[in-house]
mmCIF file of all heavy atoms, coordinates in Angstrom:
data_MODEL
# 
_entry.id   MODEL 
# 
loop_
_atom_site.group_PDB 
_atom_site.id 
_atom_site.type_symbol 
_atom_site.label_atom_id 
_atom_site.label_alt_id 
_atom_site.label_comp_id 
_atom_site.label_asym_id 
_atom_site.label_entity_id 
_atom_site.label_seq_id 
_atom_site.pdbx_PDB_ins_code 
_atom_site.Cartn_x 
_atom_site.Cartn_y 
_atom_site.Cartn_z 
_atom_site.occupancy 
_atom_site.B_iso_or_equiv 
_atom_site.pdbx_formal_charge 
_atom_site.auth_seq_id 
_atom_site.auth_comp_id 
_atom_site.auth_asym_id 
_atom_site.auth_atom_id 
_atom_site.pdbx_PDB_model_num 
ATOM 1   N N   . GLY A 1 1  ? -49.743 -67.280 -22.250 1.00 0.00 ? 1  GLY A N   1 
ATOM 2   C CA  . GLY A 1 1  ? -49.875 -65.803 -21.922 1.00 0.00 ? 1  GLY A CA  1 
ATOM 3   C C   . GLY A 1 1  ? -48.940 -65.381 -20.805 1.00 0.00 ? 1  GLY A C   1 
ATOM 4   O O   . GLY A 1 1  ? -48.374 -64.300 -20.976 1.00 0.00 ? 1  GLY A O   1 
ATOM 5   N N   . VAL A 1 2  ? -48.779 -66.141 -19.781 1.00 0.00 ? 2  VAL A N   1 
ATOM 6   C CA  . VAL A 1 2  ? -47.847 -65.800 -18.716 1.00 0.00 ? 2  VAL A CA  1 
ATOM 7   C C   . VAL A 1 2  ? -46.449 -65.788 -19.230 1.00 0.00 ? 2  VAL A C   1 
ATOM 8   O O   . VAL A 1 2  ? -45.700 -64.900 -18.873 1.00 0.00 ? 2  VAL A O   1 
ATOM 9   C CB  . VAL A 1 2  ? -48.021 -66.726 -17.526 1.00 0.00 ? 2  VAL A CB  1 
ATOM 10  C CG1 . VAL A 1 2  ? -47.025 -66.455 -16.405 1.00 0.00 ? 2  VAL A CG1 1 
ATOM 11  C CG2 . VAL A 1 2  ? -49.496 -66.665 -16.989 1.00 0.00 ? 2  VAL A CG2 1 
ATOM 12  N N   . THR A 1 3  ? -46.086 -66.749 -19.978 1.00 0.00 ? 3  THR A N   1 
ATOM 13  C CA  . THR A 1 3  ? -44.750 -66.842 -20.598 1.00 0.00 ? 3  THR A CA  1 
ATOM 14  C C   . THR A 1 3  ? -44.480 -65.643 -21.464 1.00 0.00 ? 3  THR A C   1 
ATOM 15  O O   . THR A 1 3  ? -43.379 -65.075 -21.372 1.00 0.00 ? 3  THR A O   1 
ATOM 16  C CB  . THR A 1 3  ? -44.526 -68.177 -21.270 1.00 0.00 ? 3  THR A CB  1 
ATOM 17  O OG1 . THR A 1 3  ? -44.898 -69.255 -20.442 1.00 0.00 ? 3  THR A OG1 1 
ATOM 18  C CG2 . THR A 1 3  ? -43.150 -68.304 -21.784 1.00 0.00 ? 3  THR A CG2 1 
ATOM 19  N N   . LEU A 1 4  ? -45.390 -65.328 -22.330 1.00 0.00 ? 4  LEU A N   1 
ATOM 20  C CA  . LEU A 1 4  ? -45.150 -64.142 -23.147 1.00 0.00 ? 4  LEU A CA  1 
ATOM 21  C C   . LEU A 1 4  ? -45.027 -62.893 -22.380 1.00 0.00 ? 4  LEU A C   1 
ATOM 22  O O   . LEU A 1 4  ? -44.144 -62.077 -22.740 1.00 0.00 ? 4  LEU A O   1 
ATOM 23  C CB  . LEU A 1 4  ? -46.359 -64.074 -24.234 1.00 0.00 ? 4  LEU A CB  1 
ATOM 24  C CG  . LEU A 1 4  ? -46.238 -63.092 -25.376 1.00 0.00 ? 4  LEU A CG  1 
ATOM 25  C CD1 . LEU A 1 4  ? -44.936 -63.460 -26.208 1.00 0.00 ? 4  LEU A CD1 1 
ATOM 26  C CD2 . LEU A 1 4  ? -47.397 -63.259 -26.218 1.00 0.00 ? 4  LEU A CD2 1 
ATOM 27  N N   . PHE A 1 5  ? -45.828 -62.684 -21.425 1.00 0.00 ? 5  PHE A N   1 
ATOM 28  C CA  . PHE A 1 5  ? -45.791 -61.534 -20.549 1.00 0.00 ? 5  PHE A CA  1 
ATOM 29  C C   . PHE A 1 5  ? -44.416 -61.427 -19.880 1.00 0.00 ? 5  PHE A C   1 
ATOM 30  O O   . PHE A 1 5  ? -43.739 -60.439 -19.884 1.00 0.00 ? 5  PHE A O   1 
ATOM 31  C CB  . PHE A 1 5  ? -46.898 -61.532 -19.568 1.00 0.00 ? 5  PHE A CB  1 
ATOM 32  C CG  . PHE A 1 5  ? -46.779 -60.354 -18.549 1.00 0.00 ? 5  PHE A CG  1 
ATOM 33  C CD1 . PHE A 1 5  ? -47.205 -59.152 -18.858 1.00 0.00 ? 5  PHE A CD1 1 
ATOM 34  C CD2 . PHE A 1 5  ? -46.281 -60.662 -17.233 1.00 0.00 ? 5  PHE A CD2 1 
ATOM 35  C CE1 . PHE A 1 5  ? -47.076 -58.094 -17.968 1.00 0.00 ? 5  PHE A CE1 1 
ATOM 36  C CE2 . PHE A 1 5  ? -46.106 -59.681 -16.328 1.00 0.00 ? 5  PHE A CE2 1 
ATOM 37  C CZ  . PHE A 1 5  ? -46.556 -58.376 -16.698 1.00 0.00 ? 5  PHE A CZ  1 
ATOM 38  N N   . ALA A 1 6  ? -43.995 -62.536 -19.297 1.00 0.00 ? 6  ALA A N   1 
ATOM 39  C CA  . ALA A 1 6  ? -42.693 -62.567 -18.594 1.00 0.00 ? 6  ALA A CA  1 
ATOM 40  C C   . ALA A 1 6  ? -41.537 -62.352 -19.514 1.00 0.00 ? 6  ALA A C   1 
ATOM 41  O O   . ALA A 1 6  ? -40.625 -61.633 -19.140 1.00 0.00 ? 6  ALA A O   1 
ATOM 42  C CB  . ALA A 1 6  ? -42.554 -63.911 -17.891 1.00 0.00 ? 6  ALA A CB  1 
ATOM 43  N N   . TYR A 1 7  ? -41.579 -62.909 -20.702 1.00 0.00 ? 7  TYR A N   1 
ATOM 44  C CA  . TYR A 1 7  ? -40.500 -62.656 -21.651 1.00 0.00 ? 7  TYR A CA  1 
ATOM 45  C C   . TYR A 1 7  ? -40.467 -61.218 -22.067 1.00 0.00 ? 7  TYR A C   1 
ATOM 46  O O   . TYR A 1 7  ? -39.320 -60.618 -22.092 1.00 0.00 ? 7  TYR A O   1 
ATOM 47  C CB  . TYR A 1 7  ? -40.688 -63.517 -22.941 1.00 0.00 ? 7  TYR A CB  1 
ATOM 48  C CG  . TYR A 1 7  ? -39.604 -63.340 -23.972 1.00 0.00 ? 7  TYR A CG  1 
ATOM 49  C CD1 . TYR A 1 7  ? -38.321 -64.000 -23.829 1.00 0.00 ? 7  TYR A CD1 1 
ATOM 50  C CD2 . TYR A 1 7  ? -39.769 -62.453 -25.000 1.00 0.00 ? 7  TYR A CD2 1 
ATOM 51  C CE1 . TYR A 1 7  ? -37.393 -63.741 -24.702 1.00 0.00 ? 7  TYR A CE1 1 
ATOM 52  C CE2 . TYR A 1 7  ? -38.776 -62.260 -25.965 1.00 0.00 ? 7  TYR A CE2 1 
ATOM 53  C CZ  . TYR A 1 7  ? -37.539 -62.854 -25.841 1.00 0.00 ? 7  TYR A CZ  1 
ATOM 54  O OH  . TYR A 1 7  ? -36.584 -62.655 -26.705 1.00 0.00 ? 7  TYR A OH  1 
ATOM 55  N N   . ALA A 1 8  ? -41.553 -60.629 -22.424 1.00 0.00 ? 8  ALA A N   1 
ATOM 56  C CA  . ALA A 1 8  ? -41.638 -59.203 -22.797 1.00 0.00 ? 8  ALA A CA  1 
ATOM 57  C C   . ALA A 1 8  ? -41.145 -58.305 -21.751 1.00 0.00 ? 8  ALA A C   1 
ATOM 58  O O   . ALA A 1 8  ? -40.383 -57.380 -22.005 1.00 0.00 ? 8  ALA A O   1 
ATOM 59  C CB  . ALA A 1 8  ? -43.093 -58.858 -23.303 1.00 0.00 ? 8  ALA A CB  1 
ATOM 60  N N   . VAL A 1 9  ? -41.578 -58.506 -20.469 1.00 0.00 ? 9  VAL A N   1 
ATOM 61  C CA  . VAL A 1 9  ? -41.256 -57.593 -19.460 1.00 0.00 ? 9  VAL A CA  1 
ATOM 62  C C   . VAL A 1 9  ? -39.861 -57.754 -18.906 1.00 0.00 ? 9  VAL A C   1 
ATOM 63  O O   . VAL A 1 9  ? -39.062 -56.890 -18.805 1.00 0.00 ? 9  VAL A O   1 
ATOM 64  C CB  . VAL A 1 9  ? -42.309 -57.678 -18.312 1.00 0.00 ? 9  VAL A CB  1 
ATOM 65  C CG1 . VAL A 1 9  ? -41.890 -56.858 -17.094 1.00 0.00 ? 9  VAL A CG1 1 
ATOM 66  C CG2 . VAL A 1 9  ? -43.613 -57.202 -18.787 1.00 0.00 ? 9  VAL A CG2 1 
ATOM 67  N N   . VAL A 1 10 ? -39.566 -59.049 -18.545 1.00 0.00 ? 10 VAL A N   1 
ATOM 68  C CA  . VAL A 1 10 ? -38.241 -59.338 -17.872 1.00 0.00 ? 10 VAL A CA  1 
ATOM 69  C C   . VAL A 1 10 ? -37.100 -59.391 -18.854 1.00 0.00 ? 10 VAL A C   1 
ATOM 70  O O   . VAL A 1 10 ? -36.117 -58.623 -18.703 1.00 0.00 ? 10 VAL A O   1 
ATOM 71  C CB  . VAL A 1 10 ? -38.279 -60.659 -17.078 1.00 0.00 ? 10 VAL A CB  1 
ATOM 72  C CG1 . VAL A 1 10 ? -36.983 -60.996 -16.526 1.00 0.00 ? 10 VAL A CG1 1 
ATOM 73  C CG2 . VAL A 1 10 ? -39.388 -60.553 -16.007 1.00 0.00 ? 10 VAL A CG2 1 
ATOM 74  N N   . VAL A 1 11 ? -37.200 -60.090 -19.913 1.00 0.00 ? 11 VAL A N   1 
ATOM 75  C CA  . VAL A 1 11 ? -36.067 -60.275 -20.864 1.00 0.00 ? 11 VAL A CA  1 
ATOM 76  C C   . VAL A 1 11 ? -35.845 -59.070 -21.732 1.00 0.00 ? 11 VAL A C   1 
ATOM 77  O O   . VAL A 1 11 ? -34.735 -58.628 -21.827 1.00 0.00 ? 11 VAL A O   1 
ATOM 78  C CB  . VAL A 1 11 ? -36.293 -61.642 -21.658 1.00 0.00 ? 11 VAL A CB  1 
ATOM 79  C CG1 . VAL A 1 11 ? -35.102 -61.812 -22.637 1.00 0.00 ? 11 VAL A CG1 1 
ATOM 80  C CG2 . VAL A 1 11 ? -36.332 -62.822 -20.699 1.00 0.00 ? 11 VAL A CG2 1 
ATOM 81  N N   . VAL A 1 12 ? -36.898 -58.647 -22.398 1.00 0.00 ? 12 VAL A N   1 
ATOM 82  C CA  . VAL A 1 12 ? -36.838 -57.595 -23.290 1.00 0.00 ? 12 VAL A CA  1 
ATOM 83  C C   . VAL A 1 12 ? -36.831 -56.165 -22.555 1.00 0.00 ? 12 VAL A C   1 
ATOM 84  O O   . VAL A 1 12 ? -35.931 -55.308 -22.756 1.00 0.00 ? 12 VAL A O   1 
ATOM 85  C CB  . VAL A 1 12 ? -37.839 -57.565 -24.476 1.00 0.00 ? 12 VAL A CB  1 
ATOM 86  C CG1 . VAL A 1 12 ? -37.794 -56.393 -25.355 1.00 0.00 ? 12 VAL A CG1 1 
ATOM 87  C CG2 . VAL A 1 12 ? -37.721 -58.852 -25.224 1.00 0.00 ? 12 VAL A CG2 1 
ATOM 88  N N   . GLY A 1 13 ? -37.805 -56.017 -21.678 1.00 0.00 ? 13 GLY A N   1 
ATOM 89  C CA  . GLY A 1 13 ? -37.971 -54.741 -21.009 1.00 0.00 ? 13 GLY A CA  1 
ATOM 90  C C   . GLY A 1 13 ? -36.917 -54.428 -20.002 1.00 0.00 ? 13 GLY A C   1 
ATOM 91  O O   . GLY A 1 13 ? -36.396 -53.310 -20.059 1.00 0.00 ? 13 GLY A O   1 
ATOM 92  N N   . ARG A 1 14 ? -36.582 -55.346 -19.140 1.00 0.00 ? 14 ARG A N   1 
ATOM 93  C CA  . ARG A 1 14 ? -35.663 -55.051 -18.087 1.00 0.00 ? 14 ARG A CA  1 
ATOM 94  C C   . ARG A 1 14 ? -34.212 -55.269 -18.522 1.00 0.00 ? 14 ARG A C   1 
ATOM 95  O O   . ARG A 1 14 ? -33.278 -54.555 -18.253 1.00 0.00 ? 14 ARG A O   1 
ATOM 96  C CB  . ARG A 1 14 ? -35.949 -55.899 -16.883 1.00 0.00 ? 14 ARG A CB  1 
ATOM 97  C CG  . ARG A 1 14 ? -37.286 -55.612 -16.233 1.00 0.00 ? 14 ARG A CG  1 
ATOM 98  C CD  . ARG A 1 14 ? -37.278 -54.272 -15.523 1.00 0.00 ? 14 ARG A CD  1 
ATOM 99  N NE  . ARG A 1 14 ? -36.407 -54.315 -14.391 1.00 0.00 ? 14 ARG A NE  1 
ATOM 100 C CZ  . ARG A 1 14 ? -35.893 -53.338 -13.779 1.00 0.00 ? 14 ARG A CZ  1 
ATOM 101 N NH1 . ARG A 1 14 ? -36.077 -52.083 -14.293 1.00 0.00 ? 14 ARG A NH1 1 
ATOM 102 N NH2 . ARG A 1 14 ? -35.101 -53.403 -12.840 1.00 0.00 ? 14 ARG A NH2 1 
ATOM 103 N N   . ARG A 1 15 ? -33.920 -56.457 -19.147 1.00 0.00 ? 15 ARG A N   1 
ATOM 104 C CA  . ARG A 1 15 ? -32.602 -56.795 -19.524 1.00 0.00 ? 15 ARG A CA  1 
ATOM 105 C C   . ARG A 1 15 ? -32.111 -56.239 -20.863 1.00 0.00 ? 15 ARG A C   1 
ATOM 106 O O   . ARG A 1 15 ? -30.946 -56.191 -21.165 1.00 0.00 ? 15 ARG A O   1 
ATOM 107 C CB  . ARG A 1 15 ? -32.423 -58.349 -19.560 1.00 0.00 ? 15 ARG A CB  1 
ATOM 108 C CG  . ARG A 1 15 ? -32.522 -58.958 -18.241 1.00 0.00 ? 15 ARG A CG  1 
ATOM 109 C CD  . ARG A 1 15 ? -32.054 -60.338 -18.214 1.00 0.00 ? 15 ARG A CD  1 
ATOM 110 N NE  . ARG A 1 15 ? -32.101 -60.970 -16.904 1.00 0.00 ? 15 ARG A NE  1 
ATOM 111 C CZ  . ARG A 1 15 ? -32.130 -62.226 -16.682 1.00 0.00 ? 15 ARG A CZ  1 
ATOM 112 N NH1 . ARG A 1 15 ? -32.037 -63.074 -17.703 1.00 0.00 ? 15 ARG A NH1 1 
ATOM 113 N NH2 . ARG A 1 15 ? -32.230 -62.714 -15.493 1.00 0.00 ? 15 ARG A NH2 1 
ATOM 114 N N   . GLY A 1 16 ? -33.011 -55.786 -21.660 1.00 0.00 ? 16 GLY A N   1 
ATOM 115 C CA  . GLY A 1 16 ? -32.716 -55.170 -22.967 1.00 0.00 ? 16 GLY A CA  1 
ATOM 116 C C   . GLY A 1 16 ? -32.243 -56.057 -24.044 1.00 0.00 ? 16 GLY A C   1 
ATOM 117 O O   . GLY A 1 16 ? -31.519 -55.639 -24.992 1.00 0.00 ? 16 GLY A O   1 
ATOM 118 N N   . VAL A 1 17 ? -32.701 -57.289 -24.054 1.00 0.00 ? 17 VAL A N   1 
ATOM 119 C CA  . VAL A 1 17 ? -32.331 -58.239 -25.095 1.00 0.00 ? 17 VAL A CA  1 
ATOM 120 C C   . VAL A 1 17 ? -32.949 -57.791 -26.405 1.00 0.00 ? 17 VAL A C   1 
ATOM 121 O O   . VAL A 1 17 ? -34.116 -57.462 -26.449 1.00 0.00 ? 17 VAL A O   1 
ATOM 122 C CB  . VAL A 1 17 ? -32.716 -59.676 -24.737 1.00 0.00 ? 17 VAL A CB  1 
ATOM 123 C CG1 . VAL A 1 17 ? -32.563 -60.656 -25.910 1.00 0.00 ? 17 VAL A CG1 1 
ATOM 124 C CG2 . VAL A 1 17 ? -32.034 -60.194 -23.487 1.00 0.00 ? 17 VAL A CG2 1 
ATOM 125 N N   . SER A 1 18 ? -32.160 -57.778 -27.407 1.00 0.00 ? 18 SER A N   1 
ATOM 126 C CA  . SER A 1 18 ? -32.709 -57.292 -28.790 1.00 0.00 ? 18 SER A CA  1 
ATOM 127 C C   . SER A 1 18 ? -33.567 -58.349 -29.416 1.00 0.00 ? 18 SER A C   1 
ATOM 128 O O   . SER A 1 18 ? -33.258 -59.547 -29.327 1.00 0.00 ? 18 SER A O   1 
ATOM 129 C CB  . SER A 1 18 ? -31.477 -57.048 -29.669 1.00 0.00 ? 18 SER A CB  1 
ATOM 130 O OG  . SER A 1 18 ? -32.019 -56.610 -30.976 1.00 0.00 ? 18 SER A OG  1 
ATOM 131 N N   . THR A 1 19 ? -34.605 -57.935 -29.963 1.00 0.00 ? 19 THR A N   1 
ATOM 132 C CA  . THR A 1 19 ? -35.518 -58.816 -30.700 1.00 0.00 ? 19 THR A CA  1 
ATOM 133 C C   . THR A 1 19 ? -35.373 -58.753 -32.208 1.00 0.00 ? 19 THR A C   1 
ATOM 134 O O   . THR A 1 19 ? -36.045 -59.432 -33.003 1.00 0.00 ? 19 THR A O   1 
ATOM 135 C CB  . THR A 1 19 ? -37.025 -58.595 -30.414 1.00 0.00 ? 19 THR A CB  1 
ATOM 136 O OG1 . THR A 1 19 ? -37.268 -57.190 -30.626 1.00 0.00 ? 19 THR A OG1 1 
ATOM 137 C CG2 . THR A 1 19 ? -37.255 -58.811 -28.910 1.00 0.00 ? 19 THR A CG2 1 
ATOM 138 N N   . ARG A 1 20 ? -34.472 -57.850 -32.689 1.00 0.00 ? 20 ARG A N   1 
ATOM 139 C CA  . ARG A 1 20 ? -34.226 -57.688 -34.138 1.00 0.00 ? 20 ARG A CA  1 
ATOM 140 C C   . ARG A 1 20 ? -33.521 -58.960 -34.587 1.00 0.00 ? 20 ARG A C   1 
ATOM 141 O O   . ARG A 1 20 ? -32.629 -59.501 -33.975 1.00 0.00 ? 20 ARG A O   1 
ATOM 142 C CB  . ARG A 1 20 ? -33.372 -56.482 -34.375 1.00 0.00 ? 20 ARG A CB  1 
ATOM 143 C CG  . ARG A 1 20 ? -34.008 -55.188 -33.991 1.00 0.00 ? 20 ARG A CG  1 
ATOM 144 C CD  . ARG A 1 20 ? -33.133 -54.043 -34.312 1.00 0.00 ? 20 ARG A CD  1 
ATOM 145 N NE  . ARG A 1 20 ? -33.551 -52.786 -33.659 1.00 0.00 ? 20 ARG A NE  1 
ATOM 146 C CZ  . ARG A 1 20 ? -34.504 -52.009 -34.079 1.00 0.00 ? 20 ARG A CZ  1 
ATOM 147 N NH1 . ARG A 1 20 ? -35.106 -52.314 -35.246 1.00 0.00 ? 20 ARG A NH1 1 
ATOM 148 N NH2 . ARG A 1 20 ? -34.811 -50.920 -33.396 1.00 0.00 ? 20 ARG A NH2 1 
ATOM 149 N N   . GLY A 1 21 ? -34.011 -59.434 -35.761 1.00 0.00 ? 21 GLY A N   1 
ATOM 150 C CA  . GLY A 1 21 ? -33.439 -60.614 -36.343 1.00 0.00 ? 21 GLY A CA  1 
ATOM 151 C C   . GLY A 1 21 ? -34.000 -61.911 -35.876 1.00 0.00 ? 21 GLY A C   1 
ATOM 152 O O   . GLY A 1 21 ? -33.631 -62.994 -36.363 1.00 0.00 ? 21 GLY A O   1 
ATOM 153 N N   . GLN A 1 22 ? -34.896 -61.921 -34.893 1.00 0.00 ? 22 GLN A N   1 
ATOM 154 C CA  . GLN A 1 22 ? -35.491 -63.126 -34.431 1.00 0.00 ? 22 GLN A CA  1 
ATOM 155 C C   . GLN A 1 22 ? -36.806 -63.267 -35.280 1.00 0.00 ? 22 GLN A C   1 
ATOM 156 O O   . GLN A 1 22 ? -37.710 -62.435 -35.162 1.00 0.00 ? 22 GLN A O   1 
ATOM 157 C CB  . GLN A 1 22 ? -35.801 -63.088 -32.983 1.00 0.00 ? 22 GLN A CB  1 
ATOM 158 C CG  . GLN A 1 22 ? -34.592 -63.031 -32.042 1.00 0.00 ? 22 GLN A CG  1 
ATOM 159 C CD  . GLN A 1 22 ? -34.891 -62.961 -30.571 1.00 0.00 ? 22 GLN A CD  1 
ATOM 160 O OE1 . GLN A 1 22 ? -36.111 -62.932 -30.224 1.00 0.00 ? 22 GLN A OE1 1 
ATOM 161 N NE2 . GLN A 1 22 ? -33.944 -62.837 -29.818 1.00 0.00 ? 22 GLN A NE2 1 
ATOM 162 N N   . ARG A 1 23 ? -36.845 -64.295 -36.068 1.00 0.00 ? 23 ARG A N   1 
ATOM 163 C CA  . ARG A 1 23 ? -37.980 -64.448 -37.014 1.00 0.00 ? 23 ARG A CA  1 
ATOM 164 C C   . ARG A 1 23 ? -39.338 -64.677 -36.362 1.00 0.00 ? 23 ARG A C   1 
ATOM 165 O O   . ARG A 1 23 ? -40.367 -64.277 -36.919 1.00 0.00 ? 23 ARG A O   1 
ATOM 166 C CB  . ARG A 1 23 ? -37.695 -65.589 -37.915 1.00 0.00 ? 23 ARG A CB  1 
ATOM 167 C CG  . ARG A 1 23 ? -36.496 -65.307 -38.862 1.00 0.00 ? 23 ARG A CG  1 
ATOM 168 C CD  . ARG A 1 23 ? -36.370 -66.424 -39.822 1.00 0.00 ? 23 ARG A CD  1 
ATOM 169 N NE  . ARG A 1 23 ? -37.601 -66.403 -40.779 1.00 0.00 ? 23 ARG A NE  1 
ATOM 170 C CZ  . ARG A 1 23 ? -37.776 -67.254 -41.631 1.00 0.00 ? 23 ARG A CZ  1 
ATOM 171 N NH1 . ARG A 1 23 ? -37.014 -68.255 -41.752 1.00 0.00 ? 23 ARG A NH1 1 
ATOM 172 N NH2 . ARG A 1 23 ? -38.873 -67.177 -42.414 1.00 0.00 ? 23 ARG A NH2 1 
ATOM 173 N N   . ILE A 1 24 ? -39.364 -65.157 -35.186 1.00 0.00 ? 24 ILE A N   1 
ATOM 174 C CA  . ILE A 1 24 ? -40.655 -65.378 -34.478 1.00 0.00 ? 24 ILE A CA  1 
ATOM 175 C C   . ILE A 1 24 ? -41.454 -64.149 -34.278 1.00 0.00 ? 24 ILE A C   1 
ATOM 176 O O   . ILE A 1 24 ? -42.727 -64.127 -34.284 1.00 0.00 ? 24 ILE A O   1 
ATOM 177 C CB  . ILE A 1 24 ? -40.519 -66.136 -33.138 1.00 0.00 ? 24 ILE A CB  1 
ATOM 178 C CG1 . ILE A 1 24 ? -41.783 -66.658 -32.635 1.00 0.00 ? 24 ILE A CG1 1 
ATOM 179 C CG2 . ILE A 1 24 ? -39.780 -65.281 -32.171 1.00 0.00 ? 24 ILE A CG2 1 
ATOM 180 C CD1 . ILE A 1 24 ? -41.731 -67.677 -31.534 1.00 0.00 ? 24 ILE A CD1 1 
ATOM 181 N N   . TRP A 1 25 ? -40.798 -62.992 -34.131 1.00 0.00 ? 25 TRP A N   1 
ATOM 182 C CA  . TRP A 1 25 ? -41.551 -61.724 -33.882 1.00 0.00 ? 25 TRP A CA  1 
ATOM 183 C C   . TRP A 1 25 ? -41.964 -61.086 -35.169 1.00 0.00 ? 25 TRP A C   1 
ATOM 184 O O   . TRP A 1 25 ? -42.758 -60.105 -35.115 1.00 0.00 ? 25 TRP A O   1 
ATOM 185 C CB  . TRP A 1 25 ? -40.713 -60.836 -33.030 1.00 0.00 ? 25 TRP A CB  1 
ATOM 186 C CG  . TRP A 1 25 ? -40.172 -61.408 -31.856 1.00 0.00 ? 25 TRP A CG  1 
ATOM 187 C CD1 . TRP A 1 25 ? -38.816 -61.600 -31.532 1.00 0.00 ? 25 TRP A CD1 1 
ATOM 188 C CD2 . TRP A 1 25 ? -40.923 -61.984 -30.791 1.00 0.00 ? 25 TRP A CD2 1 
ATOM 189 N NE1 . TRP A 1 25 ? -38.754 -62.259 -30.315 1.00 0.00 ? 25 TRP A NE1 1 
ATOM 190 C CE2 . TRP A 1 25 ? -39.961 -62.496 -29.853 1.00 0.00 ? 25 TRP A CE2 1 
ATOM 191 C CE3 . TRP A 1 25 ? -42.226 -62.130 -30.454 1.00 0.00 ? 25 TRP A CE3 1 
ATOM 192 C CZ2 . TRP A 1 25 ? -40.364 -63.186 -28.661 1.00 0.00 ? 25 TRP A CZ2 1 
ATOM 193 C CZ3 . TRP A 1 25 ? -42.668 -62.729 -29.350 1.00 0.00 ? 25 TRP A CZ3 1 
ATOM 194 C CH2 . TRP A 1 25 ? -41.711 -63.240 -28.449 1.00 0.00 ? 25 TRP A CH2 1 
ATOM 195 N N   . GLY A 1 26 ? -41.436 -61.460 -36.286 1.00 0.00 ? 26 GLY A N   1 
ATOM 196 C CA  . GLY A 1 26 ? -41.813 -60.898 -37.625 1.00 0.00 ? 26 GLY A CA  1 
ATOM 197 C C   . GLY A 1 26 ? -41.385 -59.380 -37.648 1.00 0.00 ? 26 GLY A C   1 
ATOM 198 O O   . GLY A 1 26 ? -40.360 -58.992 -37.097 1.00 0.00 ? 26 GLY A O   1 
ATOM 199 N N   . GLY A 1 27 ? -42.201 -58.542 -38.197 1.00 0.00 ? 27 GLY A N   1 
ATOM 200 C CA  . GLY A 1 27 ? -41.957 -57.109 -38.257 1.00 0.00 ? 27 GLY A CA  1 
ATOM 201 C C   . GLY A 1 27 ? -42.010 -56.425 -36.890 1.00 0.00 ? 27 GLY A C   1 
ATOM 202 O O   . GLY A 1 27 ? -41.448 -55.360 -36.730 1.00 0.00 ? 27 GLY A O   1 
# 
């Protein structure tokens, strides 16, 4: 839970890493 929160907020939210094309997230 902590890891998922940190990834979502820091990596995607702040740094703007794209999640398109990463199969783990699905649609």
